[in-house]
Amino acid sequence: MKSLILIPAYNCSLTIRGILSKIKKLGLDAVVVDDGSADGTGDIARSMGATVLRHEKKAGKGTSMKDGFNYILRNTPCECVIAMDGDGQHNPEEIKKFLERGASGNEGIVAGNRMASSGAMPFLRKLTNRFMSLFLSVLCWQWIADTQCGFRLIKRSCLQEITINSKNYDVESEILIKASRKGYKIASIPIETIYKGETSYINPLVDTFRFFGLLARIYFGKK
């Protein structure tokens, strides 16, 4: 499958070079959305050969994903996009697993599943993820083991049918709900997640409230 890697990145200067180096070894190209970083993340990504989209001010992960997807759909013929985080928690070597699963199945999305080996995951995040995954699986009418994982493959046909409105981390849930409502199946594959004590920009309580706001928008407001 013709594919591109999409990396939303905010102050990822310590990790982005290593990530892009591994992606290049796989023979793949990357689009990095630099979300107002103040540490030269975008310059490093550009020096590694990535296409860089720049927000002058931090706009949020959802906006970064939306801008990245729109750029890719308008400017490339790729058949799928693999989204992954820029903070080093996702192993680029596992991209091959997503491509193999995407090519062999008819699902619109292949989502990474960290919960099979979640021992290193902070307890509160693990608890929140399990609750969100159960709740979202009910809404989507299909089992999704880890709905909050940002490492996932999304096929072009699926991206073309959904509109992203979320500005923050609730974008992960929005994509799954809207894809399911369009009739797309979602597969899961086990992945490892690397935790090195880096700063997390996720606030479980705040993002849970954003999630319920997302549901209100989807079911009672914007489609």
C-alpha atoms as a PDB file:
ATOM      1  CA  MET A   1       0.000   0.000   0.000  1.00  0.00           C
ATOM      2  CA  LYS A   2       1.216   3.502  -0.812  1.00  0.00           C
ATOM      3  CA  SER A   3       1.481   5.159   2.578  1.00  0.00           C
ATOM      4  CA  LEU A   4       2.632   8.298   4.358  1.00  0.00           C
ATOM      5  CA  ILE A   5       3.464   8.801   8.010  1.00  0.00           C
ATOM      6  CA  LEU A   6       1.785  11.710   9.817  1.00  0.00           C
ATOM      7  CA  ILE A   7       3.409  12.992  13.005  1.00  0.00           C
ATOM      8  CA  PRO A   8       1.801  15.762  15.063  1.00  0.00           C
ATOM      9  CA  ALA A   9       4.646  17.187  17.140  1.00  0.00           C
ATOM     10  CA  TYR A  10       4.960  19.707  19.954  1.00  0.00           C
ATOM     11  CA  ASN A  11       8.415  20.348  21.449  1.00  0.00           C
ATOM     12  CA  CYS A  12       9.764  16.980  20.298  1.00  0.00           C
ATOM     13  CA  SER A  13      13.339  18.044  19.505  1.00  0.00           C
ATOM     14  CA  LEU A  14      14.797  15.221  21.622  1.00  0.00           C
ATOM     15  CA  THR A  15      12.911  12.460  19.804  1.00  0.00           C
ATOM     16  CA  ILE A  16      11.910  13.567  16.295  1.00  0.00           C
ATOM     17  CA  ARG A  17      15.305  12.930  14.683  1.00  0.00           C
ATOM     18  CA  GLY A  18      15.425   9.313  15.838  1.00  0.00           C
ATOM     19  CA  ILE A  19      11.845   8.685  14.754  1.00  0.00           C
ATOM     20  CA  LEU A  20      12.386  10.099  11.273  1.00  0.00           C
ATOM     21  CA  SER A  21      15.663   8.222  10.887  1.00  0.00           C
ATOM     22  CA  LYS A  22      13.875   4.912  11.477  1.00  0.00           C
ATOM     23  CA  ILE A  23      11.061   5.898   9.114  1.00  0.00           C
ATOM     24  CA  LYS A  24      13.592   6.682   6.365  1.00  0.00           C
ATOM     25  CA  LYS A  25      15.147   3.234   6.829  1.00  0.00           C
ATOM     26  CA  LEU A  26      11.730   1.771   6.045  1.00  0.00           C
ATOM     27  CA  GLY A  27      11.697   3.713   2.768  1.00  0.00           C
ATOM     28  CA  LEU A  28       8.736   5.845   3.820  1.00  0.00           C
ATOM     29  CA  ASP A  29       8.071   9.585   3.773  1.00  0.00           C
ATOM     30  CA  ALA A  30       6.695  11.624   6.654  1.00  0.00           C
ATOM     31  CA  VAL A  31       4.639  14.754   7.146  1.00  0.00           C
ATOM     32  CA  VAL A  32       5.336  16.484  10.458  1.00  0.00           C
ATOM     33  CA  VAL A  33       2.899  19.065  11.799  1.00  0.00           C
ATOM     34  CA  ASP A  34       4.920  21.311  14.105  1.00  0.00           C
ATOM     35  CA  ASP A  35       2.318  22.635  16.520  1.00  0.00           C
ATOM     36  CA  GLY A  36       4.001  25.856  17.605  1.00  0.00           C
ATOM     37  CA  SER A  37       7.100  24.194  19.057  1.00  0.00           C
ATOM     38  CA  ALA A  38       9.672  26.474  20.674  1.00  0.00           C
ATOM     39  CA  ASP A  39      12.582  24.018  20.550  1.00  0.00           C
ATOM     40  CA  GLY A  40      13.324  23.714  16.835  1.00  0.00           C
ATOM     41  CA  THR A  41      11.299  20.541  16.265  1.00  0.00           C
ATOM     42  CA  GLY A  42      10.244  21.666  12.790  1.00  0.00           C
ATOM     43  CA  ASP A  43      13.776  22.597  11.730  1.00  0.00           C
ATOM     44  CA  ILE A  44      15.082  19.190  12.789  1.00  0.00           C
ATOM     45  CA  ALA A  45      12.272  17.420  10.945  1.00  0.00           C
ATOM     46  CA  ARG A  46      12.931  19.449   7.797  1.00  0.00           C
ATOM     47  CA  SER A  47      16.648  18.626   7.963  1.00  0.00           C
ATOM     48  CA  MET A  48      15.690  14.937   8.029  1.00  0.00           C
ATOM     49  CA  GLY A  49      13.746  15.286   4.780  1.00  0.00           C
ATOM     50  CA  ALA A  50      10.232  15.422   6.201  1.00  0.00           C
ATOM     51  CA  THR A  51       7.533  17.697   4.858  1.00  0.00           C
ATOM     52  CA  VAL A  52       6.829  20.174   7.657  1.00  0.00           C
ATOM     53  CA  LEU A  53       3.600  22.076   8.260  1.00  0.00           C
ATOM     54  CA  ARG A  54       3.987  24.796  10.875  1.00  0.00           C
ATOM     55  CA  HIS A  55       1.547  26.364  13.333  1.00  0.00           C
ATOM     56  CA  GLU A  56       2.922  29.637  14.651  1.00  0.00           C
ATOM     57  CA  LYS A  57       0.948  29.113  17.867  1.00  0.00           C
ATOM     58  CA  LYS A  58      -0.058  25.865  19.541  1.00  0.00           C
ATOM     59  CA  ALA A  59      -3.379  24.804  18.040  1.00  0.00           C
ATOM     60  CA  GLY A  60      -3.822  21.357  19.608  1.00  0.00           C
ATOM     61  CA  LYS A  61      -3.401  17.780  18.452  1.00  0.00           C
ATOM     62  CA  GLY A  62      -6.794  17.638  16.761  1.00  0.00           C
ATOM     63  CA  THR A  63      -6.061  20.681  14.629  1.00  0.00           C
ATOM     64  CA  SER A  64      -2.634  19.264  13.782  1.00  0.00           C
ATOM     65  CA  MET A  65      -4.151  15.963  12.682  1.00  0.00           C
ATOM     66  CA  LYS A  66      -6.827  17.702  10.618  1.00  0.00           C
ATOM     67  CA  ASP A  67      -4.285  19.920   8.865  1.00  0.00           C
ATOM     68  CA  GLY A  68      -1.992  16.963   8.220  1.00  0.00           C
ATOM     69  CA  PHE A  69      -4.740  14.762   6.796  1.00  0.00           C
ATOM     70  CA  ASN A  70      -6.038  17.571   4.584  1.00  0.00           C
ATOM     71  CA  TYR A  71      -2.560  18.258   3.215  1.00  0.00           C
ATOM     72  CA  ILE A  72      -1.975  14.586   2.446  1.00  0.00           C
ATOM     73  CA  LEU A  73      -5.352  14.091   0.765  1.00  0.00           C
ATOM     74  CA  ARG A  74      -4.891  17.172  -1.406  1.00  0.00           C
ATOM     75  CA  ASN A  75      -1.262  16.692  -2.374  1.00  0.00           C
ATOM     76  CA  THR A  76      -0.475  12.975  -2.477  1.00  0.00           C
ATOM     77  CA  PRO A  77      -1.931   9.790  -3.981  1.00  0.00           C
ATOM     78  CA  CYS A  78      -1.256   7.671  -0.875  1.00  0.00           C
ATOM     79  CA  GLU A  79      -3.695   4.874  -0.078  1.00  0.00           C
ATOM     80  CA  CYS A  80      -3.348   5.157   3.681  1.00  0.00           C
ATOM     81  CA  VAL A  81      -1.927   7.363   6.415  1.00  0.00           C
ATOM     82  CA  ILE A  82      -0.170   6.030   9.483  1.00  0.00           C
ATOM     83  CA  ALA A  83      -0.452   8.494  12.360  1.00  0.00           C
ATOM     84  CA  MET A  84       2.004   8.276  15.234  1.00  0.00           C
ATOM     85  CA  ASP A  85       3.134  10.547  18.047  1.00  0.00           C
ATOM     86  CA  GLY A  86       6.357  12.537  17.972  1.00  0.00           C
ATOM     87  CA  ASP A  87       7.343  12.024  21.609  1.00  0.00           C
ATOM     88  CA  GLY A  88       9.061   8.670  21.115  1.00  0.00           C
ATOM     89  CA  GLN A  89       6.376   6.493  22.724  1.00  0.00           C
ATOM     90  CA  HIS A  90       5.659   4.695  19.442  1.00  0.00           C
ATOM     91  CA  ASN A  91       8.228   2.438  17.790  1.00  0.00           C
ATOM     92  CA  PRO A  92       8.516   3.213  14.045  1.00  0.00           C
ATOM     93  CA  GLU A  93       9.691  -0.347  13.408  1.00  0.00           C
ATOM     94  CA  GLU A  94       6.119  -1.468  14.096  1.00  0.00           C
ATOM     95  CA  ILE A  95       4.851   0.474  11.088  1.00  0.00           C
ATOM     96  CA  LYS A  96       5.396  -2.702   9.061  1.00  0.00           C
ATOM     97  CA  LYS A  97       2.783  -4.488  11.187  1.00  0.00           C
ATOM     98  CA  PHE A  98       0.206  -1.822  10.378  1.00  0.00           C
ATOM     99  CA  LEU A  99       0.940  -1.989   6.658  1.00  0.00           C
ATOM    100  CA  GLU A 100       0.697  -5.788   6.610  1.00  0.00           C
ATOM    101  CA  ARG A 101      -2.622  -5.748   8.476  1.00  0.00           C
ATOM    102  CA  GLY A 102      -3.969  -2.903   6.364  1.00  0.00           C
ATOM    103  CA  ALA A 103      -3.130  -4.691   3.125  1.00  0.00           C
ATOM    104  CA  SER A 104      -4.610  -8.019   4.210  1.00  0.00           C
ATOM    105  CA  GLY A 105      -7.918  -6.761   5.623  1.00  0.00           C
ATOM    106  CA  ASN A 106     -10.860  -4.631   4.540  1.00  0.00           C
ATOM    107  CA  GLU A 107     -11.046  -2.452   7.662  1.00  0.00           C
ATOM    108  CA  GLY A 108     -10.931   1.322   7.332  1.00  0.00           C
ATOM    109  CA  ILE A 109      -8.727   1.712  10.392  1.00  0.00           C
ATOM    110  CA  VAL A 110      -6.057  -0.421  12.033  1.00  0.00           C
ATOM    111  CA  ALA A 111      -5.577   0.815  15.600  1.00  0.00           C
ATOM    112  CA  GLY A 112      -2.644   0.110  17.871  1.00  0.00           C
ATOM    113  CA  ASN A 113      -3.425  -1.709  21.118  1.00  0.00           C
ATOM    114  CA  ARG A 114      -1.164  -0.942  24.090  1.00  0.00           C
ATOM    115  CA  MET A 115      -3.356  -2.680  26.638  1.00  0.00           C
ATOM    116  CA  ALA A 116      -2.073  -6.213  26.026  1.00  0.00           C
ATOM    117  CA  SER A 117       1.254  -5.167  27.577  1.00  0.00           C
ATOM    118  CA  SER A 118       0.336  -2.091  29.601  1.00  0.00           C
ATOM    119  CA  GLY A 119       2.550  -2.749  32.621  1.00  0.00           C
ATOM    120  CA  ALA A 120       4.623   0.404  32.124  1.00  0.00           C
ATOM    121  CA  MET A 121       1.586   2.627  31.565  1.00  0.00           C
ATOM    122  CA  PRO A 122       0.799   5.036  34.435  1.00  0.00           C
ATOM    123  CA  PHE A 123      -2.103   3.682  36.515  1.00  0.00           C
ATOM    124  CA  LEU A 124      -4.483   6.626  36.002  1.00  0.00           C
ATOM    125  CA  ARG A 125      -3.925   6.578  32.248  1.00  0.00           C
ATOM    126  CA  LYS A 126      -4.493   2.824  32.150  1.00  0.00           C
ATOM    127  CA  LEU A 127      -7.752   3.176  34.095  1.00  0.00           C
ATOM    128  CA  THR A 128      -8.968   6.004  31.859  1.00  0.00           C
ATOM    129  CA  ASN A 129      -8.044   4.095  28.698  1.00  0.00           C
ATOM    130  CA  ARG A 130      -9.937   0.986  29.776  1.00  0.00           C
ATOM    131  CA  PHE A 131     -13.066   3.001  30.596  1.00  0.00           C
ATOM    132  CA  MET A 132     -12.924   4.981  27.359  1.00  0.00           C
ATOM    133  CA  SER A 133     -12.300   1.867  25.272  1.00  0.00           C
ATOM    134  CA  LEU A 134     -15.276   0.032  26.757  1.00  0.00           C
ATOM    135  CA  PHE A 135     -17.576   3.039  26.398  1.00  0.00           C
ATOM    136  CA  LEU A 136     -16.478   3.833  22.843  1.00  0.00           C
ATOM    137  CA  SER A 137     -16.744   0.204  21.767  1.00  0.00           C
ATOM    138  CA  VAL A 138     -20.416   0.311  22.736  1.00  0.00           C
ATOM    139  CA  LEU A 139     -20.926   3.539  20.777  1.00  0.00           C
ATOM    140  CA  CYS A 140     -19.105   2.144  17.744  1.00  0.00           C
ATOM    141  CA  TRP A 141     -20.898  -1.217  17.839  1.00  0.00           C
ATOM    142  CA  GLN A 142     -17.581  -3.061  17.624  1.00  0.00           C
ATOM    143  CA  TRP A 143     -14.811  -3.965  20.051  1.00  0.00           C
ATOM    144  CA  ILE A 144     -11.846  -1.576  19.993  1.00  0.00           C
ATOM    145  CA  ALA A 145      -9.215  -2.628  22.506  1.00  0.00           C
ATOM    146  CA  ASP A 146      -7.457   0.743  22.870  1.00  0.00           C
ATOM    147  CA  THR A 147      -9.420   3.712  21.593  1.00  0.00           C
ATOM    148  CA  GLN A 148      -6.971   6.337  22.857  1.00  0.00           C
ATOM    149  CA  CYS A 149      -3.831   5.090  21.108  1.00  0.00           C
ATOM    150  CA  GLY A 150      -2.532   7.595  18.557  1.00  0.00           C
ATOM    151  CA  PHE A 151      -0.604   4.968  16.571  1.00  0.00           C
ATOM    152  CA  ARG A 152      -2.986   3.863  13.824  1.00  0.00           C
ATOM    153  CA  LEU A 153      -3.418   3.318  10.103  1.00  0.00           C
ATOM    154  CA  ILE A 154      -6.327   5.045   8.382  1.00  0.00           C
ATOM    155  CA  LYS A 155      -7.206   4.301   4.777  1.00  0.00           C
ATOM    156  CA  ARG A 156      -7.728   7.139   2.336  1.00  0.00           C
ATOM    157  CA  SER A 157     -11.336   6.171   1.611  1.00  0.00           C
ATOM    158  CA  CYS A 158     -12.138   6.462   5.311  1.00  0.00           C
ATOM    159  CA  LEU A 159     -10.417   9.833   5.727  1.00  0.00           C
ATOM    160  CA  GLN A 160     -12.316  11.223   2.758  1.00  0.00           C
ATOM    161  CA  GLU A 161     -15.649  10.484   4.440  1.00  0.00           C
ATOM    162  CA  ILE A 162     -15.093  12.016   7.863  1.00  0.00           C
ATOM    163  CA  THR A 163     -14.761  15.611   9.010  1.00  0.00           C
ATOM    164  CA  ILE A 164     -12.573  16.364  12.019  1.00  0.00           C
ATOM    165  CA  ASN A 165     -13.770  19.110  14.344  1.00  0.00           C
ATOM    166  CA  SER A 166     -11.837  18.300  17.534  1.00  0.00           C
ATOM    167  CA  LYS A 167      -8.929  20.559  18.426  1.00  0.00           C
ATOM    168  CA  ASN A 168      -7.347  18.429  21.143  1.00  0.00           C
ATOM    169  CA  TYR A 169      -6.778  14.808  22.156  1.00  0.00           C
ATOM    170  CA  ASP A 170     -10.443  13.907  21.727  1.00  0.00           C
ATOM    171  CA  VAL A 171      -9.592  13.685  18.030  1.00  0.00           C
ATOM    172  CA  GLU A 172      -8.661  10.009  18.574  1.00  0.00           C
ATOM    173  CA  SER A 173     -12.223   9.248  19.693  1.00  0.00           C
ATOM    174  CA  GLU A 174     -13.840  11.446  17.053  1.00  0.00           C
ATOM    175  CA  ILE A 175     -12.150   9.579  14.213  1.00  0.00           C
ATOM    176  CA  LEU A 176     -13.270   6.178  15.525  1.00  0.00           C
ATOM    177  CA  ILE A 177     -16.866   7.238  16.157  1.00  0.00           C
ATOM    178  CA  LYS A 178     -17.300   8.927  12.788  1.00  0.00           C
ATOM    179  CA  ALA A 179     -15.626   6.086  10.878  1.00  0.00           C
ATOM    180  CA  SER A 180     -17.910   3.580  12.609  1.00  0.00           C
ATOM    181  CA  ARG A 181     -20.980   5.672  11.798  1.00  0.00           C
ATOM    182  CA  LYS A 182     -19.916   5.531   8.137  1.00  0.00           C
ATOM    183  CA  GLY A 183     -19.823   1.734   8.328  1.00  0.00           C
ATOM    184  CA  TYR A 184     -16.064   1.176   8.565  1.00  0.00           C
ATOM    185  CA  LYS A 185     -14.653  -1.726  10.550  1.00  0.00           C
ATOM    186  CA  ILE A 186     -11.765  -1.116  12.936  1.00  0.00           C
ATOM    187  CA  ALA A 187      -9.051  -3.702  13.533  1.00  0.00           C
ATOM    188  CA  SER A 188      -6.583  -3.747  16.431  1.00  0.00           C
ATOM    189  CA  ILE A 189      -2.998  -4.973  16.579  1.00  0.00           C
ATOM    190  CA  PRO A 190      -0.790  -5.221  19.690  1.00  0.00           C
ATOM    191  CA  ILE A 191       2.015  -2.687  19.970  1.00  0.00           C
ATOM    192  CA  GLU A 192       4.591  -1.730  22.543  1.00  0.00           C
ATOM    193  CA  THR A 193       4.624   1.716  24.106  1.00  0.00           C
ATOM    194  CA  ILE A 194       7.812   3.278  25.387  1.00  0.00           C
ATOM    195  CA  TYR A 195       7.587   5.340  28.572  1.00  0.00           C
ATOM    196  CA  LYS A 196      10.707   7.249  29.589  1.00  0.00           C
ATOM    197  CA  GLY A 197       9.281   9.738  32.071  1.00  0.00           C
ATOM    198  CA  GLU A 198       8.758  12.440  29.453  1.00  0.00           C
ATOM    199  CA  THR A 199       6.255  15.225  30.040  1.00  0.00           C
ATOM    200  CA  SER A 200       2.707  14.239  29.118  1.00  0.00           C
ATOM    201  CA  TYR A 201       0.350  16.872  27.742  1.00  0.00           C
ATOM    202  CA  ILE A 202      -2.651  14.624  28.419  1.00  0.00           C
ATOM    203  CA  ASN A 203      -4.876  15.487  31.393  1.00  0.00           C
ATOM    204  CA  PRO A 204      -7.195  12.486  31.987  1.00  0.00           C
ATOM    205  CA  LEU A 205      -9.849  14.525  33.820  1.00  0.00           C
ATOM    206  CA  VAL A 206      -9.912  17.411  31.346  1.00  0.00           C
ATOM    207  CA  ASP A 207      -9.834  15.078  28.360  1.00  0.00           C
ATOM    208  CA  THR A 208     -12.696  13.003  29.780  1.00  0.00           C
ATOM    209  CA  PHE A 209     -14.857  16.144  29.917  1.00  0.00           C
ATOM    210  CA  ARG A 210     -13.765  16.980  26.371  1.00  0.00           C
ATOM    211  CA  PHE A 211     -14.831  13.498  25.326  1.00  0.00           C
ATOM    212  CA  PHE A 212     -18.384  14.026  26.549  1.00  0.00           C
ATOM    213  CA  GLY A 213     -18.398  17.410  24.828  1.00  0.00           C
ATOM    214  CA  LEU A 214     -17.364  15.593  21.663  1.00  0.00           C
ATOM    215  CA  LEU A 215     -20.314  13.216  21.991  1.00  0.00           C
ATOM    216  CA  ALA A 216     -22.686  16.153  22.338  1.00  0.00           C
ATOM    217  CA  ARG A 217     -21.272  17.753  19.189  1.00  0.00           C
ATOM    218  CA  ILE A 218     -21.445  14.557  17.153  1.00  0.00           C
ATOM    219  CA  TYR A 219     -24.928  13.466  18.178  1.00  0.00           C
ATOM    220  CA  PHE A 220     -26.608  16.843  18.668  1.00  0.00           C
ATOM    221  CA  GLY A 221     -24.545  19.342  16.701  1.00  0.00           C
ATOM    222  CA  LYS A 222     -21.801  19.242  14.100  1.00  0.00           C
ATOM    223  CA  LYS A 223     -21.537  16.041  12.089  1.00  0.00           C
END
